[in-house]
Each structure stands twice: as structure tokens, then as C-alpha cells.
Amino acid sequence: MRRARRRAKDALVIGLLAAGGFAMPAVADELSDQTPPSHFYFYSGVDVARDTSYGWAGAAWAPFGPMDREGFRLRAQAGIARRHLLQ
């Protein structure tokens, strides 16, 4: 029973992390030339294998210019991992 609950929690966390990448609509075609340049970048991902799983999320900030140009960046990332021991 505990194992089933743990797997359900893992699946929920992985699903939420994966859904974060799809939650934002694609609006690239709708952007006009008057849109200010973006200084922020957010990302997330999931890696699932037979006996391990890993989820991560992070953000980057370009304080002195847009993200699509070279320059100084500040980044932060966090993740969670689980190793499943086979018995």
C-alpha cells in the first residue's frame, strides 16, 4: 500500500513538472514588433528511467539586455531525484 501511494505521489510530481512546459500557449505568431524584449526565461523537465526519476525547474534573468543577445545572466535551478532500488 505504501509503495502504491509513493508511486502515485511520484507520478503526480512528474506530471506537474512535465505539464509546466506545456501550460503556456504558443503565442510567437501573435507577438508584434512593439513587444518589449524578454529578460526572463523559465524552464522545467523530467527524466524517467527504469530505476530512477528526476525532475527539475529553473529560471534565468538577463538584467542588462534581452535574452536573445549575448550578455550577463543569472540562473537558478532546483531538482528532485528518486532512485528505485530493485529487490
PDB file of N, CA and C in Angstrom:
ATOM      1  N   MET A   1       0.815  -1.184   0.000  1.00  0.00           N
ATOM      2  CA  MET A   1       0.000   0.000   0.000  1.00  0.00           C
ATOM      3  C   MET A   1       0.865   1.256   0.000  1.00  0.00           C
ATOM      4  N   ARG A   2       1.929   1.253   0.804  1.00  0.00           N
ATOM      5  CA  ARG A   2       2.826   2.411   0.838  1.00  0.00           C
ATOM      6  C   ARG A   2       3.505   2.628  -0.502  1.00  0.00           C
ATOM      7  N   ARG A   3       3.876   1.532  -1.126  1.00  0.00           N
ATOM      8  CA  ARG A   3       4.546   1.623  -2.419  1.00  0.00           C
ATOM      9  C   ARG A   3       3.617   2.233  -3.466  1.00  0.00           C
ATOM     10  N   ALA A   4       2.352   1.868  -3.436  1.00  0.00           N
ATOM     11  CA  ALA A   4       1.383   2.424  -4.380  1.00  0.00           C
ATOM     12  C   ALA A   4       1.187   3.921  -4.136  1.00  0.00           C
ATOM     13  N   ARG A   5       1.132   4.336  -2.880  1.00  0.00           N
ATOM     14  CA  ARG A   5       0.999   5.766  -2.572  1.00  0.00           C
ATOM     15  C   ARG A   5       2.231   6.533  -3.024  1.00  0.00           C
ATOM     16  N   ARG A   6       3.392   5.964  -2.780  1.00  0.00           N
ATOM     17  CA  ARG A   6       4.636   6.617  -3.186  1.00  0.00           C
ATOM     18  C   ARG A   6       4.691   6.767  -4.698  1.00  0.00           C
ATOM     19  N   ARG A   7       4.304   5.738  -5.427  1.00  0.00           N
ATOM     20  CA  ARG A   7       4.293   5.819  -6.888  1.00  0.00           C
ATOM     21  C   ARG A   7       3.274   6.839  -7.374  1.00  0.00           C
ATOM     22  N   ALA A   8       2.137   6.911  -6.713  1.00  0.00           N
ATOM     23  CA  ALA A   8       1.128   7.904  -7.089  1.00  0.00           C
ATOM     24  C   ALA A   8       1.663   9.318  -6.859  1.00  0.00           C
ATOM     25  N   LYS A   9       2.348   9.541  -5.747  1.00  0.00           N
ATOM     26  CA  LYS A   9       2.939  10.856  -5.483  1.00  0.00           C
ATOM     27  C   LYS A   9       4.012  11.174  -6.517  1.00  0.00           C
ATOM     28  N   ASP A  10       4.854  10.204  -6.837  1.00  0.00           N
ATOM     29  CA  ASP A  10       5.889  10.415  -7.846  1.00  0.00           C
ATOM     30  C   ASP A  10       5.270  10.771  -9.192  1.00  0.00           C
ATOM     31  N   ALA A  11       4.239  10.047  -9.566  1.00  0.00           N
ATOM     32  CA  ALA A  11       3.578  10.312 -10.839  1.00  0.00           C
ATOM     33  C   ALA A  11       2.967  11.706 -10.860  1.00  0.00           C
ATOM     34  N   LEU A  12       2.399  12.147  -9.741  1.00  0.00           N
ATOM     35  CA  LEU A  12       1.813  13.477  -9.657  1.00  0.00           C
ATOM     36  C   LEU A  12       2.884  14.547  -9.802  1.00  0.00           C
ATOM     37  N   VAL A  13       3.997  14.402  -9.100  1.00  0.00           N
ATOM     38  CA  VAL A  13       5.081  15.386  -9.188  1.00  0.00           C
ATOM     39  C   VAL A  13       5.640  15.438 -10.604  1.00  0.00           C
ATOM     40  N   ILE A  14       5.885  14.296 -11.184  1.00  0.00           N
ATOM     41  CA  ILE A  14       6.427  14.244 -12.537  1.00  0.00           C
ATOM     42  C   ILE A  14       5.436  14.841 -13.532  1.00  0.00           C
ATOM     43  N   GLY A  15       4.171  14.533 -13.359  1.00  0.00           N
ATOM     44  CA  GLY A  15       3.147  15.090 -14.239  1.00  0.00           C
ATOM     45  C   GLY A  15       3.058  16.601 -14.141  1.00  0.00           C
ATOM     46  N   LEU A  16       3.136  17.133 -12.926  1.00  0.00           N
ATOM     47  CA  LEU A  16       3.084  18.584 -12.753  1.00  0.00           C
ATOM     48  C   LEU A  16       4.305  19.263 -13.358  1.00  0.00           C
ATOM     49  N   LEU A  17       5.470  18.676 -13.170  1.00  0.00           N
ATOM     50  CA  LEU A  17       6.678  19.249 -13.765  1.00  0.00           C
ATOM     51  C   LEU A  17       6.612  19.209 -15.287  1.00  0.00           C
ATOM     52  N   ALA A  18       6.142  18.107 -15.829  1.00  0.00           N
ATOM     53  CA  ALA A  18       6.041  17.989 -17.279  1.00  0.00           C
ATOM     54  C   ALA A  18       4.989  18.927 -17.839  1.00  0.00           C
ATOM     55  N   ALA A  19       3.876  19.082 -17.140  1.00  0.00           N
ATOM     56  CA  ALA A  19       2.803  19.956 -17.611  1.00  0.00           C
ATOM     57  C   ALA A  19       3.216  21.414 -17.587  1.00  0.00           C
ATOM     58  N   GLY A  20       4.165  21.766 -16.724  1.00  0.00           N
ATOM     59  CA  GLY A  20       4.622  23.151 -16.666  1.00  0.00           C
ATOM     60  C   GLY A  20       5.174  23.634 -17.997  1.00  0.00           C
ATOM     61  N   GLY A  21       5.795  22.763 -18.749  1.00  0.00           N
ATOM     62  CA  GLY A  21       6.323  23.139 -20.053  1.00  0.00           C
ATOM     63  C   GLY A  21       5.250  23.310 -21.108  1.00  0.00           C
ATOM     64  N   PHE A  22       4.074  22.721 -20.913  1.00  0.00           N
ATOM     65  CA  PHE A  22       3.008  22.807 -21.891  1.00  0.00           C
ATOM     66  C   PHE A  22       1.906  23.768 -21.476  1.00  0.00           C
ATOM     67  N   ALA A  23       1.998  24.341 -20.294  1.00  0.00           N
ATOM     68  CA  ALA A  23       0.923  25.184 -19.785  1.00  0.00           C
ATOM     69  C   ALA A  23       0.861  26.537 -20.473  1.00  0.00           C
ATOM     70  N   MET A  24       1.968  27.008 -21.009  1.00  0.00           N
ATOM     71  CA  MET A  24       1.984  28.311 -21.642  1.00  0.00           C
ATOM     72  C   MET A  24       1.642  28.155 -23.118  1.00  0.00           C
ATOM     73  N   PRO A  25       0.662  28.908 -23.628  1.00  0.00           N
ATOM     74  CA  PRO A  25       0.279  28.791 -25.036  1.00  0.00           C
ATOM     75  C   PRO A  25       1.355  29.346 -25.952  1.00  0.00           C
ATOM     76  N   ALA A  26       1.419  28.824 -27.133  1.00  0.00           N
ATOM     77  CA  ALA A  26       2.378  29.311 -28.117  1.00  0.00           C
ATOM     78  C   ALA A  26       1.833  30.595 -28.725  1.00  0.00           C
ATOM     79  N   VAL A  27       2.482  31.694 -28.449  1.00  0.00           N
ATOM     80  CA  VAL A  27       1.993  32.984 -28.920  1.00  0.00           C
ATOM     81  C   VAL A  27       3.014  33.687 -29.802  1.00  0.00           C
ATOM     82  N   ALA A  28       3.993  32.980 -30.311  1.00  0.00           N
ATOM     83  CA  ALA A  28       5.049  33.609 -31.106  1.00  0.00           C
ATOM     84  C   ALA A  28       4.482  34.293 -32.342  1.00  0.00           C
ATOM     85  N   ASP A  29       3.476  33.700 -32.977  1.00  0.00           N
ATOM     86  CA  ASP A  29       2.890  34.295 -34.168  1.00  0.00           C
ATOM     87  C   ASP A  29       2.075  35.537 -33.842  1.00  0.00           C
ATOM     88  N   GLU A  30       1.618  35.657 -32.606  1.00  0.00           N
ATOM     89  CA  GLU A  30       0.765  36.774 -32.216  1.00  0.00           C
ATOM     90  C   GLU A  30       1.550  37.969 -31.707  1.00  0.00           C
ATOM     91  N   LEU A  31       2.848  37.815 -31.484  1.00  0.00           N
ATOM     92  CA  LEU A  31       3.646  38.914 -30.962  1.00  0.00           C
ATOM     93  C   LEU A  31       3.882  39.955 -32.042  1.00  0.00           C
ATOM     94  N   SER A  32       3.828  41.211 -31.655  1.00  0.00           N
ATOM     95  CA  SER A  32       4.097  42.285 -32.602  1.00  0.00           C
ATOM     96  C   SER A  32       5.480  42.857 -32.349  1.00  0.00           C
ATOM     97  N   ASP A  33       5.905  43.779 -33.204  1.00  0.00           N
ATOM     98  CA  ASP A  33       7.222  44.407 -33.050  1.00  0.00           C
ATOM     99  C   ASP A  33       7.264  45.339 -31.848  1.00  0.00           C
ATOM    100  N   GLN A  34       6.124  45.696 -31.285  1.00  0.00           N
ATOM    101  CA  GLN A  34       6.064  46.625 -30.171  1.00  0.00           C
ATOM    102  C   GLN A  34       6.236  45.933 -28.826  1.00  0.00           C
ATOM    103  N   THR A  35       6.339  44.621 -28.815  1.00  0.00           N
ATOM    104  CA  THR A  35       6.512  43.878 -27.573  1.00  0.00           C
ATOM    105  C   THR A  35       7.913  44.119 -27.026  1.00  0.00           C
ATOM    106  N   PRO A  36       8.028  44.485 -25.745  1.00  0.00           N
ATOM    107  CA  PRO A  36       9.373  44.691 -25.186  1.00  0.00           C
ATOM    108  C   PRO A  36      10.156  43.379 -25.138  1.00  0.00           C
ATOM    109  N   PRO A  37      11.481  43.445 -25.219  1.00  0.00           N
ATOM    110  CA  PRO A  37      12.280  42.216 -25.188  1.00  0.00           C
ATOM    111  C   PRO A  37      12.161  41.505 -23.844  1.00  0.00           C
ATOM    112  N   SER A  38      12.226  40.199 -23.897  1.00  0.00           N
ATOM    113  CA  SER A  38      12.110  39.390 -22.682  1.00  0.00           C
ATOM    114  C   SER A  38      13.445  39.326 -21.953  1.00  0.00           C
ATOM    115  N   HIS A  39      13.410  39.530 -20.650  1.00  0.00           N
ATOM    116  CA  HIS A  39      14.608  39.440 -19.817  1.00  0.00           C
ATOM    117  C   HIS A  39      14.580  38.195 -18.934  1.00  0.00           C
ATOM    118  N   PHE A  40      13.509  37.389 -19.030  1.00  0.00           N
ATOM    119  CA  PHE A  40      13.359  36.205 -18.189  1.00  0.00           C
ATOM    120  C   PHE A  40      13.194  34.965 -19.052  1.00  0.00           C
ATOM    121  N   TYR A  41      13.631  33.832 -18.506  1.00  0.00           N
ATOM    122  CA  TYR A  41      13.481  32.543 -19.178  1.00  0.00           C
ATOM    123  C   TYR A  41      13.207  31.499 -18.103  1.00  0.00           C
ATOM    124  N   PHE A  42      12.110  30.769 -18.248  1.00  0.00           N
ATOM    125  CA  PHE A  42      11.739  29.733 -17.295  1.00  0.00           C
ATOM    126  C   PHE A  42      11.749  28.381 -18.005  1.00  0.00           C
ATOM    127  N   TYR A  43      12.172  27.336 -17.305  1.00  0.00           N
ATOM    128  CA  TYR A  43      12.227  26.008 -17.915  1.00  0.00           C
ATOM    129  C   TYR A  43      11.978  24.934 -16.861  1.00  0.00           C
ATOM    130  N   SER A  44      11.583  23.769 -17.337  1.00  0.00           N
ATOM    131  CA  SER A  44      11.390  22.611 -16.460  1.00  0.00           C
ATOM    132  C   SER A  44      11.536  21.355 -17.301  1.00  0.00           C
ATOM    133  N   GLY A  45      11.756  20.243 -16.634  1.00  0.00           N
ATOM    134  CA  GLY A  45      11.895  18.991 -17.352  1.00  0.00           C
ATOM    135  C   GLY A  45      11.839  17.795 -16.430  1.00  0.00           C
ATOM    136  N   VAL A  46      11.723  16.643 -17.041  1.00  0.00           N
ATOM    137  CA  VAL A  46      11.623  15.383 -16.315  1.00  0.00           C
ATOM    138  C   VAL A  46      12.441  14.336 -17.058  1.00  0.00           C
ATOM    139  N   ASP A  47      13.147  13.524 -16.306  1.00  0.00           N
ATOM    140  CA  ASP A  47      13.885  12.390 -16.868  1.00  0.00           C
ATOM    141  C   ASP A  47      13.472  11.163 -16.077  1.00  0.00           C
ATOM    142  N   VAL A  48      12.880  10.194 -16.748  1.00  0.00           N
ATOM    143  CA  VAL A  48      12.402   8.982 -16.083  1.00  0.00           C
ATOM    144  C   VAL A  48      13.063   7.782 -16.761  1.00  0.00           C
ATOM    145  N   ALA A  49      13.663   6.941 -15.944  1.00  0.00           N
ATOM    146  CA  ALA A  49      14.272   5.714 -16.433  1.00  0.00           C
ATOM    147  C   ALA A  49      13.707   4.536 -15.634  1.00  0.00           C
ATOM    148  N   ARG A  50      14.236   3.364 -15.874  1.00  0.00           N
ATOM    149  CA  ARG A  50      13.696   2.159 -15.238  1.00  0.00           C
ATOM    150  C   ARG A  50      13.774   2.225 -13.716  1.00  0.00           C
ATOM    151  N   ASP A  51      14.909   2.686 -13.181  1.00  0.00           N
ATOM    152  CA  ASP A  51      15.061   2.672 -11.729  1.00  0.00           C
ATOM    153  C   ASP A  51      15.379   4.048 -11.132  1.00  0.00           C
ATOM    154  N   THR A  52      15.279   5.108 -11.921  1.00  0.00           N
ATOM    155  CA  THR A  52      15.492   6.462 -11.401  1.00  0.00           C
ATOM    156  C   THR A  52      14.500   7.427 -12.035  1.00  0.00           C
ATOM    157  N   SER A  53      14.261   8.519 -11.359  1.00  0.00           N
ATOM    158  CA  SER A  53      13.459   9.603 -11.919  1.00  0.00           C
ATOM    159  C   SER A  53      14.014  10.919 -11.382  1.00  0.00           C
ATOM    160  N   TYR A  54      13.939  11.945 -12.211  1.00  0.00           N
ATOM    161  CA  TYR A  54      14.498  13.239 -11.848  1.00  0.00           C
ATOM    162  C   TYR A  54      13.649  14.330 -12.484  1.00  0.00           C
ATOM    163  N   GLY A  55      13.295  15.323 -11.709  1.00  0.00           N
ATOM    164  CA  GLY A  55      12.553  16.468 -12.215  1.00  0.00           C
ATOM    165  C   GLY A  55      13.276  17.739 -11.826  1.00  0.00           C
ATOM    166  N   TRP A  56      13.245  18.732 -12.700  1.00  0.00           N
ATOM    167  CA  TRP A  56      13.938  19.979 -12.409  1.00  0.00           C
ATOM    168  C   TRP A  56      13.159  21.158 -12.965  1.00  0.00           C
ATOM    169  N   ALA A  57      13.454  22.324 -12.432  1.00  0.00           N
ATOM    170  CA  ALA A  57      12.875  23.571 -12.903  1.00  0.00           C
ATOM    171  C   ALA A  57      13.865  24.682 -12.603  1.00  0.00           C
ATOM    172  N   GLY A  58      13.807  25.725 -13.393  1.00  0.00           N
ATOM    173  CA  GLY A  58      14.732  26.811 -13.168  1.00  0.00           C
ATOM    174  C   GLY A  58      14.312  28.066 -13.901  1.00  0.00           C
ATOM    175  N   ALA A  59      15.100  29.102 -13.705  1.00  0.00           N
ATOM    176  CA  ALA A  59      14.844  30.384 -14.339  1.00  0.00           C
ATOM    177  C   ALA A  59      16.169  31.073 -14.617  1.00  0.00           C
ATOM    178  N   ALA A  60      16.156  31.920 -15.628  1.00  0.00           N
ATOM    179  CA  ALA A  60      17.313  32.744 -15.958  1.00  0.00           C
ATOM    180  C   ALA A  60      16.833  34.177 -16.120  1.00  0.00           C
ATOM    181  N   TRP A  61      17.701  35.118 -15.758  1.00  0.00           N
ATOM    182  CA  TRP A  61      17.371  36.533 -15.841  1.00  0.00           C
ATOM    183  C   TRP A  61      18.529  37.258 -16.497  1.00  0.00           C
ATOM    184  N   ALA A  62      18.214  38.075 -17.472  1.00  0.00           N
ATOM    185  CA  ALA A  62      19.209  38.909 -18.140  1.00  0.00           C
ATOM    186  C   ALA A  62      18.955  40.352 -17.713  1.00  0.00           C
ATOM    187  N   PRO A  63      19.653  40.862 -16.698  1.00  0.00           N
ATOM    188  CA  PRO A  63      19.343  42.182 -16.163  1.00  0.00           C
ATOM    189  C   PRO A  63      19.739  43.347 -17.080  1.00  0.00           C
ATOM    190  N   PHE A  64      20.683  43.139 -17.998  1.00  0.00           N
ATOM    191  CA  PHE A  64      21.202  44.254 -18.794  1.00  0.00           C
ATOM    192  C   PHE A  64      20.829  44.203 -20.269  1.00  0.00           C
ATOM    193  N   GLY A  65      19.990  43.269 -20.669  1.00  0.00           N
ATOM    194  CA  GLY A  65      19.614  43.183 -22.076  1.00  0.00           C
ATOM    195  C   GLY A  65      18.649  42.040 -22.304  1.00  0.00           C
ATOM    196  N   PRO A  66      18.176  41.892 -23.545  1.00  0.00           N
ATOM    197  CA  PRO A  66      17.247  40.803 -23.852  1.00  0.00           C
ATOM    198  C   PRO A  66      17.945  39.445 -23.841  1.00  0.00           C
ATOM    199  N   MET A  67      17.158  38.401 -23.656  1.00  0.00           N
ATOM    200  CA  MET A  67      17.699  37.036 -23.582  1.00  0.00           C
ATOM    201  C   MET A  67      18.276  36.554 -24.908  1.00  0.00           C
ATOM    202  N   ASP A  68      17.826  37.101 -26.026  1.00  0.00           N
ATOM    203  CA  ASP A  68      18.297  36.610 -27.318  1.00  0.00           C
ATOM    204  C   ASP A  68      19.611  37.259 -27.767  1.00  0.00           C
ATOM    205  N   ARG A  69      20.246  38.034 -26.905  1.00  0.00           N
ATOM    206  CA  ARG A  69      21.541  38.635 -27.205  1.00  0.00           C
ATOM    207  C   ARG A  69      22.567  38.172 -26.176  1.00  0.00           C
ATOM    208  N   GLU A  70      23.828  38.255 -26.541  1.00  0.00           N
ATOM    209  CA  GLU A  70      24.889  37.883 -25.605  1.00  0.00           C
ATOM    210  C   GLU A  70      24.910  38.851 -24.433  1.00  0.00           C
ATOM    211  N   GLY A  71      25.294  38.327 -23.266  1.00  0.00           N
ATOM    212  CA  GLY A  71      25.390  39.194 -22.110  1.00  0.00           C
ATOM    213  C   GLY A  71      25.360  38.426 -20.807  1.00  0.00           C
ATOM    214  N   PHE A  72      25.310  39.166 -19.726  1.00  0.00           N
ATOM    215  CA  PHE A  72      25.324  38.625 -18.372  1.00  0.00           C
ATOM    216  C   PHE A  72      23.994  37.954 -18.048  1.00  0.00           C
ATOM    217  N   ARG A  73      24.026  36.773 -17.394  1.00  0.00           N
ATOM    218  CA  ARG A  73      22.821  36.035 -16.994  1.00  0.00           C
ATOM    219  C   ARG A  73      22.957  35.579 -15.545  1.00  0.00           C
ATOM    220  N   LEU A  74      21.866  35.609 -14.834  1.00  0.00           N
ATOM    221  CA  LEU A  74      21.768  34.996 -13.509  1.00  0.00           C
ATOM    222  C   LEU A  74      20.811  33.827 -13.635  1.00  0.00           C
ATOM    223  N   ARG A  75      21.223  32.656 -13.150  1.00  0.00           N
ATOM    224  CA  ARG A  75      20.388  31.463 -13.271  1.00  0.00           C
ATOM    225  C   ARG A  75      20.230  30.784 -11.917  1.00  0.00           C
ATOM    226  N   ALA A  76      19.072  30.165 -11.741  1.00  0.00           N
ATOM    227  CA  ALA A  76      18.795  29.361 -10.548  1.00  0.00           C
ATOM    228  C   ALA A  76      18.071  28.099 -11.009  1.00  0.00           C
ATOM    229  N   GLN A  77      18.425  26.972 -10.404  1.00  0.00           N
ATOM    230  CA  GLN A  77      17.817  25.701 -10.782  1.00  0.00           C
ATOM    231  C   GLN A  77      17.653  24.839  -9.539  1.00  0.00           C
ATOM    232  N   ALA A  78      16.583  24.089  -9.511  1.00  0.00           N
ATOM    233  CA  ALA A  78      16.332  23.146  -8.420  1.00  0.00           C
ATOM    234  C   ALA A  78      15.826  21.843  -9.029  1.00  0.00           C
ATOM    235  N   GLY A  79      16.046  20.760  -8.317  1.00  0.00           N
ATOM    236  CA  GLY A  79      15.593  19.473  -8.815  1.00  0.00           C
ATOM    237  C   GLY A  79      15.361  18.498  -7.683  1.00  0.00           C
ATOM    238  N   ILE A  80      14.680  17.439  -8.044  1.00  0.00           N
ATOM    239  CA  ILE A  80      14.417  16.368  -7.084  1.00  0.00           C
ATOM    240  C   ILE A  80      14.624  15.044  -7.813  1.00  0.00           C
ATOM    241  N   ALA A  81      15.244  14.107  -7.124  1.00  0.00           N
ATOM    242  CA  ALA A  81      15.546  12.810  -7.743  1.00  0.00           C
ATOM    243  C   ALA A  81      15.095  11.677  -6.822  1.00  0.00           C
ATOM    244  N   ARG A  82      14.817  10.566  -7.440  1.00  0.00           N
ATOM    245  CA  ARG A  82      14.429   9.363  -6.684  1.00  0.00           C
ATOM    246  C   ARG A  82      15.057   8.167  -7.374  1.00  0.00           C
ATOM    247  N   ARG A  83      15.701   7.338  -6.590  1.00  0.00           N
ATOM    248  CA  ARG A  83      16.286   6.103  -7.102  1.00  0.00           C
ATOM    249  C   ARG A  83      15.480   4.947  -6.545  1.00  0.00           C
ATOM    250  N   HIS A  84      14.991   4.112  -7.420  1.00  0.00           N
ATOM    251  CA  HIS A  84      14.193   2.954  -7.043  1.00  0.00           C
ATOM    252  C   HIS A  84      15.111   1.735  -6.964  1.00  0.00           C
ATOM    253  N   LEU A  85      15.261   1.195  -5.796  1.00  0.00           N
ATOM    254  CA  LEU A  85      16.099   0.021  -5.622  1.00  0.00           C
ATOM    255  C   LEU A  85      15.324  -1.240  -5.988  1.00  0.00           C
ATOM    256  N   LEU A  86      15.911  -2.046  -6.813  1.00  0.00           N
ATOM    257  CA  LEU A  86      15.274  -3.301  -7.203  1.00  0.00           C
ATOM    258  C   LEU A  86      15.594  -4.369  -6.167  1.00  0.00           C
ATOM    259  N   GLN A  87      14.599  -5.150  -5.820  1.00  0.00           N
ATOM    260  CA  GLN A  87      14.804  -6.200  -4.826  1.00  0.00           C
ATOM    261  C   GLN A  87      14.629  -7.567  -5.440  1.00  0.00           C
TER     262      GLN A  87
END
